Amino acid sequence: QLQLVESGGGLVQPGGSLRLSCAASGLTLGYYAIAWFRQAPGKEREGVSCISSSDGSTDYANSVKGRFTISRDNAKNTVLLQMNSLKPEDTAVYYCAQSRSVFGLCTLTIREYDSWGQGTQVTVSS
């Protein structure tokens, strides 16, 4: 059974760091593009970052460029999101998602993903 599980969220002060992990069971993440999305209260879900399956190319939302880094650990079948210099506006539930297509391309378009984790809460506050 396919399952994505996010972890690593929590409460952090502005300027702090967190590392989110997306672990998979029932599939090999390396065959799919994986993306991180987030949803803040009262707002639509938005793409944060993605990584392709083939060449490891990545993309980031403008709001997180230079602060967030996405990477794969294929040995552990996980995708990581390192978040530095966190801001209060980064507060949201963060979800990882698997591309619809095998060997999918990195895109922040939500409709290109069809398997989602349950989310992990990130709160940035002093």
N, C-alpha and C. Protein backbone atom coordinates (compact mmCIF):
# COMPACT_ATOMS: atom_id res chain seq x y z
N GLN A 1 0.84 -1.19 0.00
CA GLN A 1 0.00 0.00 0.00
C GLN A 1 0.88 1.24 0.00
N LEU A 2 0.58 2.17 -0.94
CA LEU A 2 1.35 3.39 -1.04
C LEU A 2 1.07 4.29 0.14
N GLN A 3 2.13 4.82 0.75
CA GLN A 3 1.96 5.74 1.85
C GLN A 3 3.14 6.71 1.89
N LEU A 4 2.81 7.99 2.02
CA LEU A 4 3.81 9.02 2.23
C LEU A 4 3.61 9.57 3.63
N VAL A 5 4.70 9.71 4.36
CA VAL A 5 4.62 10.20 5.74
C VAL A 5 5.62 11.32 5.92
N GLU A 6 5.09 12.49 6.30
CA GLU A 6 5.94 13.63 6.58
C GLU A 6 6.29 13.67 8.06
N SER A 7 7.45 14.21 8.36
CA SER A 7 7.87 14.40 9.75
C SER A 7 8.85 15.56 9.80
N GLY A 8 9.12 16.02 11.00
CA GLY A 8 10.13 17.06 11.18
C GLY A 8 9.59 18.44 11.47
N GLY A 9 8.27 18.58 11.42
CA GLY A 9 7.70 19.88 11.72
C GLY A 9 7.81 20.22 13.19
N GLY A 10 7.42 21.45 13.52
CA GLY A 10 7.46 21.87 14.91
C GLY A 10 7.38 23.38 15.03
N LEU A 11 7.67 23.84 16.22
CA LEU A 11 7.67 25.27 16.53
C LEU A 11 9.11 25.77 16.54
N VAL A 12 9.36 26.83 15.81
CA VAL A 12 10.71 27.39 15.74
C VAL A 12 10.60 28.91 15.73
N GLN A 13 11.61 29.56 16.25
CA GLN A 13 11.64 31.02 16.26
C GLN A 13 12.03 31.55 14.88
N PRO A 14 11.63 32.76 14.56
CA PRO A 14 12.07 33.37 13.30
C PRO A 14 13.59 33.34 13.18
N GLY A 15 14.04 32.99 11.98
CA GLY A 15 15.47 32.85 11.75
C GLY A 15 15.99 31.44 11.99
N GLY A 16 15.17 30.60 12.55
CA GLY A 16 15.58 29.23 12.85
C GLY A 16 15.47 28.31 11.66
N SER A 17 15.76 27.04 11.92
CA SER A 17 15.78 26.03 10.85
C SER A 17 15.00 24.79 11.26
N LEU A 18 14.46 24.12 10.26
CA LEU A 18 13.85 22.81 10.43
C LEU A 18 14.19 21.98 9.21
N ARG A 19 14.18 20.67 9.39
CA ARG A 19 14.35 19.78 8.25
C ARG A 19 13.17 18.82 8.21
N LEU A 20 12.42 18.91 7.15
CA LEU A 20 11.28 18.03 6.96
C LEU A 20 11.71 16.79 6.18
N SER A 21 11.07 15.68 6.50
CA SER A 21 11.35 14.43 5.81
C SER A 21 10.06 13.85 5.27
N CYS A 22 10.14 13.32 4.07
CA CYS A 22 9.02 12.62 3.44
C CYS A 22 9.47 11.19 3.18
N ALA A 23 8.90 10.26 3.92
CA ALA A 23 9.27 8.86 3.79
C ALA A 23 8.16 8.10 3.08
N ALA A 24 8.56 7.15 2.26
CA ALA A 24 7.59 6.41 1.47
C ALA A 24 7.62 4.92 1.76
N SER A 25 6.46 4.33 1.70
CA SER A 25 6.35 2.87 1.73
C SER A 25 5.43 2.46 0.60
N GLY A 26 5.72 1.36 -0.02
CA GLY A 26 4.89 0.89 -1.11
C GLY A 26 5.30 1.40 -2.47
N LEU A 27 6.33 2.24 -2.53
CA LEU A 27 6.85 2.69 -3.80
C LEU A 27 8.26 3.19 -3.61
N THR A 28 8.96 3.31 -4.73
CA THR A 28 10.33 3.84 -4.70
C THR A 28 10.27 5.30 -5.13
N LEU A 29 10.56 6.18 -4.20
CA LEU A 29 10.44 7.61 -4.48
C LEU A 29 11.32 8.05 -5.63
N GLY A 30 12.43 7.37 -5.83
CA GLY A 30 13.37 7.78 -6.86
C GLY A 30 12.79 7.74 -8.26
N TYR A 31 11.70 7.01 -8.46
CA TYR A 31 11.09 6.92 -9.78
C TYR A 31 10.11 8.06 -10.07
N TYR A 32 9.87 8.89 -9.09
CA TYR A 32 8.85 9.93 -9.23
C TYR A 32 9.42 11.30 -8.89
N ALA A 33 8.83 12.31 -9.51
CA ALA A 33 9.07 13.66 -9.02
C ALA A 33 8.33 13.80 -7.69
N ILE A 34 8.97 14.47 -6.77
CA ILE A 34 8.38 14.70 -5.45
C ILE A 34 8.36 16.20 -5.19
N ALA A 35 7.27 16.64 -4.63
CA ALA A 35 7.14 18.06 -4.33
C ALA A 35 6.68 18.26 -2.89
N TRP A 36 7.02 19.42 -2.39
CA TRP A 36 6.50 19.88 -1.10
C TRP A 36 5.52 21.02 -1.38
N PHE A 37 4.38 20.93 -0.76
CA PHE A 37 3.39 21.98 -0.80
C PHE A 37 3.12 22.42 0.64
N ARG A 38 2.50 23.56 0.78
CA ARG A 38 2.10 24.01 2.12
C ARG A 38 0.77 24.71 2.04
N GLN A 39 0.07 24.68 3.17
CA GLN A 39 -1.22 25.34 3.25
C GLN A 39 -1.35 26.02 4.60
N ALA A 40 -1.51 27.32 4.54
CA ALA A 40 -1.73 28.11 5.75
C ALA A 40 -3.23 28.27 5.97
N PRO A 41 -3.65 28.53 7.20
CA PRO A 41 -5.09 28.69 7.47
C PRO A 41 -5.71 29.75 6.59
N GLY A 42 -6.82 29.39 5.95
CA GLY A 42 -7.54 30.33 5.12
C GLY A 42 -6.93 30.59 3.75
N LYS A 43 -5.86 29.87 3.43
CA LYS A 43 -5.19 30.07 2.15
C LYS A 43 -5.20 28.78 1.33
N GLU A 44 -4.99 28.93 0.03
CA GLU A 44 -4.91 27.77 -0.83
C GLU A 44 -3.56 27.07 -0.66
N ARG A 45 -3.57 25.79 -1.01
CA ARG A 45 -2.32 25.03 -0.97
C ARG A 45 -1.41 25.56 -2.07
N GLU A 46 -0.14 25.76 -1.73
CA GLU A 46 0.80 26.31 -2.70
C GLU A 46 2.06 25.44 -2.78
N GLY A 47 2.65 25.43 -3.96
CA GLY A 47 3.88 24.68 -4.16
C GLY A 47 5.06 25.39 -3.53
N VAL A 48 5.91 24.63 -2.88
CA VAL A 48 7.09 25.17 -2.23
C VAL A 48 8.37 24.77 -2.97
N SER A 49 8.49 23.49 -3.27
CA SER A 49 9.70 23.00 -3.92
C SER A 49 9.42 21.64 -4.53
N CYS A 50 10.22 21.29 -5.54
CA CYS A 50 10.08 19.97 -6.16
C CYS A 50 11.45 19.50 -6.64
N ILE A 51 11.52 18.18 -6.85
CA ILE A 51 12.74 17.58 -7.37
C ILE A 51 12.34 16.51 -8.36
N SER A 52 12.99 16.51 -9.50
CA SER A 52 12.64 15.55 -10.55
C SER A 52 13.21 14.17 -10.22
N SER A 53 12.73 13.18 -10.97
CA SER A 53 13.20 11.82 -10.76
C SER A 53 14.43 11.50 -11.58
N SER A 54 14.58 12.15 -12.72
CA SER A 54 15.61 11.74 -13.65
C SER A 54 16.96 12.38 -13.36
N ASP A 55 17.01 13.70 -13.45
CA ASP A 55 18.30 14.38 -13.33
C ASP A 55 18.46 15.13 -12.01
N GLY A 56 17.46 15.01 -11.14
CA GLY A 56 17.57 15.68 -9.86
C GLY A 56 17.39 17.18 -9.91
N SER A 57 16.86 17.67 -11.03
CA SER A 57 16.64 19.11 -11.12
C SER A 57 15.59 19.54 -10.10
N THR A 58 15.71 20.76 -9.66
CA THR A 58 14.83 21.26 -8.60
C THR A 58 14.21 22.59 -8.99
N ASP A 59 13.18 22.95 -8.26
CA ASP A 59 12.54 24.24 -8.43
C ASP A 59 12.02 24.69 -7.09
N TYR A 60 11.91 26.00 -6.93
CA TYR A 60 11.46 26.56 -5.68
C TYR A 60 10.50 27.72 -5.93
N ALA A 61 9.57 27.89 -5.04
CA ALA A 61 8.75 29.09 -5.05
C ALA A 61 9.64 30.29 -4.76
N ASN A 62 9.31 31.42 -5.35
CA ASN A 62 10.14 32.62 -5.15
C ASN A 62 10.27 32.97 -3.66
N SER A 63 9.23 32.70 -2.92
CA SER A 63 9.21 33.08 -1.51
C SER A 63 10.21 32.29 -0.66
N VAL A 64 10.70 31.15 -1.17
CA VAL A 64 11.61 30.33 -0.37
C VAL A 64 12.98 30.17 -1.01
N LYS A 65 13.17 30.71 -2.20
CA LYS A 65 14.47 30.57 -2.87
C LYS A 65 15.59 31.14 -2.01
N GLY A 66 16.67 30.39 -1.94
CA GLY A 66 17.81 30.82 -1.14
C GLY A 66 17.71 30.44 0.32
N ARG A 67 16.53 29.97 0.73
CA ARG A 67 16.35 29.59 2.14
C ARG A 67 16.06 28.10 2.30
N PHE A 68 15.36 27.52 1.35
CA PHE A 68 14.97 26.11 1.41
C PHE A 68 15.79 25.31 0.41
N THR A 69 16.09 24.06 0.77
CA THR A 69 16.79 23.15 -0.13
C THR A 69 16.13 21.78 -0.09
N ILE A 70 15.78 21.28 -1.26
CA ILE A 70 15.18 19.96 -1.38
C ILE A 70 16.25 18.97 -1.84
N SER A 71 16.18 17.75 -1.34
CA SER A 71 17.16 16.73 -1.71
C SER A 71 16.55 15.35 -1.54
N ARG A 72 17.21 14.38 -2.15
CA ARG A 72 16.79 12.99 -2.02
C ARG A 72 17.81 12.19 -1.23
N ASP A 73 17.31 11.21 -0.50
CA ASP A 73 18.16 10.17 0.09
C ASP A 73 17.57 8.85 -0.39
N ASN A 74 18.02 8.43 -1.55
CA ASN A 74 17.42 7.24 -2.15
C ASN A 74 17.66 5.98 -1.32
N ALA A 75 18.76 5.93 -0.61
CA ALA A 75 19.03 4.76 0.23
C ALA A 75 17.97 4.60 1.31
N LYS A 76 17.44 5.73 1.77
CA LYS A 76 16.41 5.70 2.81
C LYS A 76 15.02 5.89 2.24
N ASN A 77 14.95 6.03 0.90
CA ASN A 77 13.66 6.23 0.24
C ASN A 77 12.92 7.43 0.82
N THR A 78 13.66 8.53 0.97
CA THR A 78 13.07 9.73 1.53
C THR A 78 13.46 10.96 0.70
N VAL A 79 12.67 12.00 0.85
CA VAL A 79 12.97 13.32 0.29
C VAL A 79 12.99 14.30 1.45
N LEU A 80 13.98 15.13 1.48
CA LEU A 80 14.17 16.07 2.57
C LEU A 80 13.92 17.50 2.11
N LEU A 81 13.47 18.33 3.03
CA LEU A 81 13.34 19.76 2.78
C LEU A 81 14.02 20.47 3.94
N GLN A 82 15.19 21.02 3.66
CA GLN A 82 15.91 21.81 4.66
C GLN A 82 15.42 23.24 4.58
N MET A 83 14.92 23.75 5.69
CA MET A 83 14.35 25.09 5.72
C MET A 83 15.16 25.94 6.69
N ASN A 84 15.81 26.95 6.15
CA ASN A 84 16.62 27.87 6.95
C ASN A 84 16.01 29.27 6.93
N SER A 85 16.48 30.09 7.84
CA SER A 85 16.02 31.49 7.92
C SER A 85 14.50 31.57 7.87
N LEU A 86 13.86 30.78 8.68
CA LEU A 86 12.40 30.70 8.65
C LEU A 86 11.77 32.00 9.09
N LYS A 87 10.62 32.29 8.47
CA LYS A 87 9.88 33.50 8.73
C LYS A 87 8.47 33.14 9.22
N PRO A 88 7.82 34.04 9.93
CA PRO A 88 6.44 33.74 10.36
C PRO A 88 5.52 33.37 9.21
N GLU A 89 5.75 33.95 8.05
CA GLU A 89 4.90 33.64 6.89
C GLU A 89 5.13 32.24 6.33
N ASP A 90 6.13 31.53 6.84
CA ASP A 90 6.34 30.13 6.45
C ASP A 90 5.44 29.19 7.26
N THR A 91 4.74 29.72 8.24
CA THR A 91 3.86 28.90 9.06
C THR A 91 2.75 28.29 8.21
N ALA A 92 2.65 26.97 8.26
CA ALA A 92 1.68 26.24 7.46
C ALA A 92 1.78 24.76 7.77
N VAL A 93 0.83 24.00 7.24
CA VAL A 93 0.97 22.55 7.20
C VAL A 93 1.69 22.20 5.90
N TYR A 94 2.75 21.44 6.01
CA TYR A 94 3.56 21.07 4.86
C TYR A 94 3.26 19.63 4.45
N TYR A 95 3.05 19.45 3.16
CA TYR A 95 2.71 18.15 2.60
C TYR A 95 3.73 17.76 1.54
N CYS A 96 4.06 16.48 1.48
CA CYS A 96 4.82 16.00 0.33
C CYS A 96 3.87 15.24 -0.58
N ALA A 97 4.22 15.22 -1.85
CA ALA A 97 3.35 14.61 -2.84
C ALA A 97 4.18 13.96 -3.94
N GLN A 98 3.62 12.89 -4.50
CA GLN A 98 4.28 12.13 -5.55
C GLN A 98 3.64 12.45 -6.90
N SER A 99 4.48 12.57 -7.93
CA SER A 99 3.96 12.89 -9.26
C SER A 99 3.05 11.78 -9.78
N ARG A 100 2.13 12.18 -10.64
CA ARG A 100 1.22 11.20 -11.25
C ARG A 100 1.98 10.23 -12.13
N SER A 101 3.01 10.73 -12.80
CA SER A 101 3.73 9.92 -13.79
C SER A 101 5.05 9.41 -13.22
N VAL A 102 5.38 8.19 -13.59
CA VAL A 102 6.73 7.70 -13.31
C VAL A 102 7.72 8.54 -14.09
N PHE A 103 8.84 8.83 -13.49
CA PHE A 103 9.86 9.70 -14.08
C PHE A 103 9.28 11.08 -14.40
N GLY A 104 8.38 11.53 -13.54
CA GLY A 104 7.76 12.83 -13.73
C GLY A 104 8.75 13.98 -13.60
N LEU A 105 8.38 15.11 -14.21
CA LEU A 105 9.20 16.30 -14.15
C LEU A 105 8.89 17.11 -12.90
N CYS A 106 9.85 17.87 -12.50
CA CYS A 106 9.66 18.77 -11.36
C CYS A 106 8.75 19.91 -11.76
N THR A 107 7.65 20.05 -11.07
CA THR A 107 6.72 21.13 -11.31
C THR A 107 6.01 21.45 -10.02
N LEU A 108 5.61 22.71 -9.85
CA LEU A 108 4.88 23.12 -8.66
C LEU A 108 3.38 23.22 -8.94
N THR A 109 2.96 22.57 -10.02
CA THR A 109 1.55 22.54 -10.37
C THR A 109 0.87 21.41 -9.62
N ILE A 110 -0.09 21.75 -8.79
CA ILE A 110 -0.66 20.78 -7.86
C ILE A 110 -1.34 19.62 -8.57
N ARG A 111 -1.95 19.86 -9.74
CA ARG A 111 -2.68 18.79 -10.41
C ARG A 111 -1.77 17.69 -10.96
N GLU A 112 -0.46 17.93 -10.96
CA GLU A 112 0.47 16.93 -11.46
C GLU A 112 0.83 15.89 -10.39
N TYR A 113 0.23 16.00 -9.21
CA TYR A 113 0.54 15.11 -8.10
C TYR A 113 -0.73 14.44 -7.62
N ASP A 114 -0.62 13.15 -7.30
CA ASP A 114 -1.84 12.45 -6.92
C ASP A 114 -1.72 11.59 -5.68
N SER A 115 -0.61 11.61 -5.01
CA SER A 115 -0.48 10.90 -3.75
C SER A 115 0.11 11.86 -2.74
N TRP A 116 -0.56 11.94 -1.60
CA TRP A 116 -0.20 12.96 -0.61
C TRP A 116 -0.01 12.34 0.76
N GLY A 117 0.90 12.95 1.53
CA GLY A 117 1.01 12.58 2.92
C GLY A 117 -0.04 13.29 3.76
N GLN A 118 0.02 13.08 5.06
CA GLN A 118 -0.98 13.66 5.96
C GLN A 118 -0.61 15.05 6.41
N GLY A 119 0.62 15.45 6.16
CA GLY A 119 1.07 16.79 6.50
C GLY A 119 1.77 16.86 7.84
N THR A 120 2.62 17.88 7.98
CA THR A 120 3.30 18.16 9.24
C THR A 120 3.26 19.66 9.48
N GLN A 121 2.93 20.03 10.68
CA GLN A 121 2.75 21.45 11.02
C GLN A 121 4.10 22.13 11.27
N VAL A 122 4.27 23.26 10.62
CA VAL A 122 5.43 24.12 10.88
C VAL A 122 4.91 25.45 11.38
N THR A 123 5.37 25.86 12.55
CA THR A 123 4.96 27.13 13.14
C THR A 123 6.20 27.94 13.44
N VAL A 124 6.25 29.13 12.87
CA VAL A 124 7.39 30.04 13.08
C VAL A 124 6.88 31.22 13.88
N SER A 125 7.32 31.30 15.11
CA SER A 125 6.80 32.33 16.00
C SER A 125 7.78 32.55 17.14
N SER A 126 7.83 33.79 17.59
CA SER A 126 8.65 34.10 18.76
C SER A 126 7.82 34.02 20.04
